[in-house]
Structures are given as C-alpha cells and as structure tokens.
Amino acid sequence: MALRFIGIDPNTGDDECPTVWYNDEAGEIVVQGWKADDELRAKCLETGSIPDGEDVVRLPARMVAILRKACDAAEGAHVR
C-alpha cells in the first residue's frame, strides 16, 4: 500500500491527532478523526443509514487546507 501522509491537525496534542493520508494505489483519501457522538450520528442518520463498514468522524475546520491538499493529490492521481 502506498499511503502518502498529507497532514495532521496543526493543534495536535498528545492524544488527539486527526490526520489525513492519500492511498495512491486505491485512489482514496484516508482520514483519522474524532468519533462522532450520539447526537451527531443521529443527525447524520436523518440523511440516510451508516453502513457497518462506515462511520462518521469529525475534523476541525482548521484542517481545511490539509483536506484541500488531499483532494489535490486525488485529483492529480486521476489526471494521469
């Protein structure tokens, strides 16, 4: 697996570190984030189900630039 580190929450502490990678082989953005609480999950379920192989995670808005970088990596990989 060619997992490319894109970035980590700039305000990372010792135990909370939302992170973004790009998997070159699978063409996927990989995200580690905070688990959604029950209230947020319930709101998300108003839109549709959350399949067993998926989950809701939260990322701080301060990571927008990192997410853009991951999207650029994904877009660039598919332009080739």
C-alpha atoms as a PDB file:
ATOM      1  CA  MET A   1       0.000   0.000   0.000  1.00  0.00           C
ATOM      2  CA  ALA A   2       1.364   3.402  -0.985  1.00  0.00           C
ATOM      3  CA  LEU A   3      -0.023   5.539   1.828  1.00  0.00           C
ATOM      4  CA  ARG A   4       1.119   9.139   1.480  1.00  0.00           C
ATOM      5  CA  PHE A   5       0.954  11.328   4.600  1.00  0.00           C
ATOM      6  CA  ILE A   6      -0.789  14.600   3.766  1.00  0.00           C
ATOM      7  CA  GLY A   7      -1.105  16.380   7.093  1.00  0.00           C
ATOM      8  CA  ILE A   8      -2.063  16.375  10.732  1.00  0.00           C
ATOM      9  CA  ASP A   9      -4.178  18.757  12.808  1.00  0.00           C
ATOM     10  CA  PRO A  10      -1.872  21.718  13.466  1.00  0.00           C
ATOM     11  CA  ASN A  11      -3.171  21.917  17.039  1.00  0.00           C
ATOM     12  CA  THR A  12      -2.418  18.266  17.758  1.00  0.00           C
ATOM     13  CA  GLY A  13      -1.953  17.330  21.373  1.00  0.00           C
ATOM     14  CA  ASP A  14      -0.578  14.105  22.756  1.00  0.00           C
ATOM     15  CA  ASP A  15      -3.772  12.077  22.410  1.00  0.00           C
ATOM     16  CA  GLU A  16      -5.881  13.762  19.721  1.00  0.00           C
ATOM     17  CA  CYS A  17      -4.411  13.853  16.266  1.00  0.00           C
ATOM     18  CA  PRO A  18      -6.835  13.998  13.333  1.00  0.00           C
ATOM     19  CA  THR A  19      -4.739  13.032  10.304  1.00  0.00           C
ATOM     20  CA  VAL A  20      -5.170  12.796   6.535  1.00  0.00           C
ATOM     21  CA  TRP A  21      -3.372  10.489   4.088  1.00  0.00           C
ATOM     22  CA  TYR A  22      -3.764   9.627   0.417  1.00  0.00           C
ATOM     23  CA  ASN A  23      -3.645   5.994  -0.725  1.00  0.00           C
ATOM     24  CA  ASP A  24      -2.063   6.141  -4.181  1.00  0.00           C
ATOM     25  CA  GLU A  25      -2.869   2.528  -5.051  1.00  0.00           C
ATOM     26  CA  ALA A  26      -6.545   2.608  -4.091  1.00  0.00           C
ATOM     27  CA  GLY A  27      -7.138   6.224  -5.099  1.00  0.00           C
ATOM     28  CA  GLU A  28      -8.604   7.031  -1.681  1.00  0.00           C
ATOM     29  CA  ILE A  29      -8.350   9.833   0.847  1.00  0.00           C
ATOM     30  CA  VAL A  30      -7.848   8.244   4.270  1.00  0.00           C
ATOM     31  CA  VAL A  31      -8.995  10.189   7.330  1.00  0.00           C
ATOM     32  CA  GLN A  32      -8.463   9.701  11.055  1.00  0.00           C
ATOM     33  CA  GLY A  33     -10.767  11.917  13.076  1.00  0.00           C
ATOM     34  CA  TRP A  34     -12.648  12.208  16.305  1.00  0.00           C
ATOM     35  CA  LYS A  35     -15.568   9.818  16.749  1.00  0.00           C
ATOM     36  CA  ALA A  36     -18.967  11.386  16.308  1.00  0.00           C
ATOM     37  CA  ASP A  37     -21.093  11.475  19.442  1.00  0.00           C
ATOM     38  CA  ASP A  38     -24.603  10.035  19.530  1.00  0.00           C
ATOM     39  CA  GLU A  39     -26.244  13.386  18.798  1.00  0.00           C
ATOM     40  CA  LEU A  40     -24.161  13.979  15.676  1.00  0.00           C
ATOM     41  CA  ARG A  41     -24.678  10.389  14.484  1.00  0.00           C
ATOM     42  CA  ALA A  42     -28.438  10.813  14.936  1.00  0.00           C
ATOM     43  CA  LYS A  43     -28.386  13.994  12.827  1.00  0.00           C
ATOM     44  CA  CYS A  44     -26.368  12.215  10.129  1.00  0.00           C
ATOM     45  CA  LEU A  45     -28.837   9.323  10.152  1.00  0.00           C
ATOM     46  CA  GLU A  46     -31.563  11.780   9.122  1.00  0.00           C
ATOM     47  CA  THR A  47     -29.898  11.781   5.683  1.00  0.00           C
ATOM     48  CA  GLY A  48     -29.537   8.005   5.412  1.00  0.00           C
ATOM     49  CA  SER A  49     -28.108   4.929   7.064  1.00  0.00           C
ATOM     50  CA  ILE A  50     -24.490   4.450   8.096  1.00  0.00           C
ATOM     51  CA  PRO A  51     -23.428   1.027   6.787  1.00  0.00           C
ATOM     52  CA  ASP A  52     -21.479  -1.338   9.040  1.00  0.00           C
ATOM     53  CA  GLY A  53     -18.234  -0.699   7.145  1.00  0.00           C
ATOM     54  CA  GLU A  54     -18.511   3.086   7.518  1.00  0.00           C
ATOM     55  CA  ASP A  55     -18.609   5.609  10.336  1.00  0.00           C
ATOM     56  CA  VAL A  56     -18.916   9.321  10.953  1.00  0.00           C
ATOM     57  CA  VAL A  57     -15.775  11.164  12.046  1.00  0.00           C
ATOM     58  CA  ARG A  58     -15.174  14.812  12.832  1.00  0.00           C
ATOM     59  CA  LEU A  59     -12.286  17.003  11.712  1.00  0.00           C
ATOM     60  CA  PRO A  60     -11.648  20.546  12.882  1.00  0.00           C
ATOM     61  CA  ALA A  61     -12.222  23.296  10.309  1.00  0.00           C
ATOM     62  CA  ARG A  62      -8.598  24.359  10.777  1.00  0.00           C
ATOM     63  CA  MET A  63      -7.714  21.292   8.675  1.00  0.00           C
ATOM     64  CA  VAL A  64      -9.383  22.639   5.518  1.00  0.00           C
ATOM     65  CA  ALA A  65      -6.024  23.331   3.848  1.00  0.00           C
ATOM     66  CA  ILE A  66      -4.893  19.770   4.601  1.00  0.00           C
ATOM     67  CA  LEU A  67      -8.116  18.370   3.129  1.00  0.00           C
ATOM     68  CA  ARG A  68      -7.606  20.509   0.010  1.00  0.00           C
ATOM     69  CA  LYS A  69      -4.092  19.104  -0.305  1.00  0.00           C
ATOM     70  CA  ALA A  70      -5.524  15.564  -0.097  1.00  0.00           C
ATOM     71  CA  CYS A  71      -8.135  16.425  -2.730  1.00  0.00           C
ATOM     72  CA  ASP A  72      -5.389  17.830  -4.972  1.00  0.00           C
ATOM     73  CA  ALA A  73      -3.429  14.591  -4.550  1.00  0.00           C
ATOM     74  CA  ALA A  74      -6.510  12.567  -5.511  1.00  0.00           C
ATOM     75  CA  GLU A  75      -7.318  14.766  -8.457  1.00  0.00           C
ATOM     76  CA  GLY A  76      -3.725  14.731  -9.679  1.00  0.00           C
ATOM     77  CA  ALA A  77      -3.556  10.958  -9.495  1.00  0.00           C
ATOM     78  CA  HIS A  78      -6.630  10.585 -11.700  1.00  0.00           C
ATOM     79  CA  VAL A  79      -5.500  13.126 -14.283  1.00  0.00           C
ATOM     80  CA  ARG A  80      -2.523  10.964 -15.326  1.00  0.00           C
END
